[in-house]
């Protein structure tokens, strides 16, 4: 039993870090949003191993129960996080962690390129302001 508890806690840690670093490396916020998927799998496997150790029920029944529990727990946490985030629609979506620049695999933008694109938006915004007045 302690082996599975150690395995599950290590797997949670590794899945969390792997997802964070991959999302940061590719500037892919969607990977950060998919983080509950590996957590549900790890939780189901750890719970299944625990129940298999302490229960005499058939493994198929235990698998169904652990899958249902894992989906309910992770789904509930995900829905709660979504409802909190949906209340604050004005908040910008950005990654909540910064890693060292050496882990970036996506190409960055130079400040000059950023300001030239921002400057190109000025005439469009001025037209919109004139239309609104």
Foldseek 3Di string as FASTA:
>chain_A
DVVLVVVLVVQLVVLVVVLLLVCQQAVPCVSVLVSLVVVLVSQLVSQLVVCVVVDPDDSVVSSVVSNVVSCVVSVVVSVVVVVVVVVCVVDDDDDPDDDPPVSHNHDDDDPVVVVVVVVVCVVVVVVVVVVVD
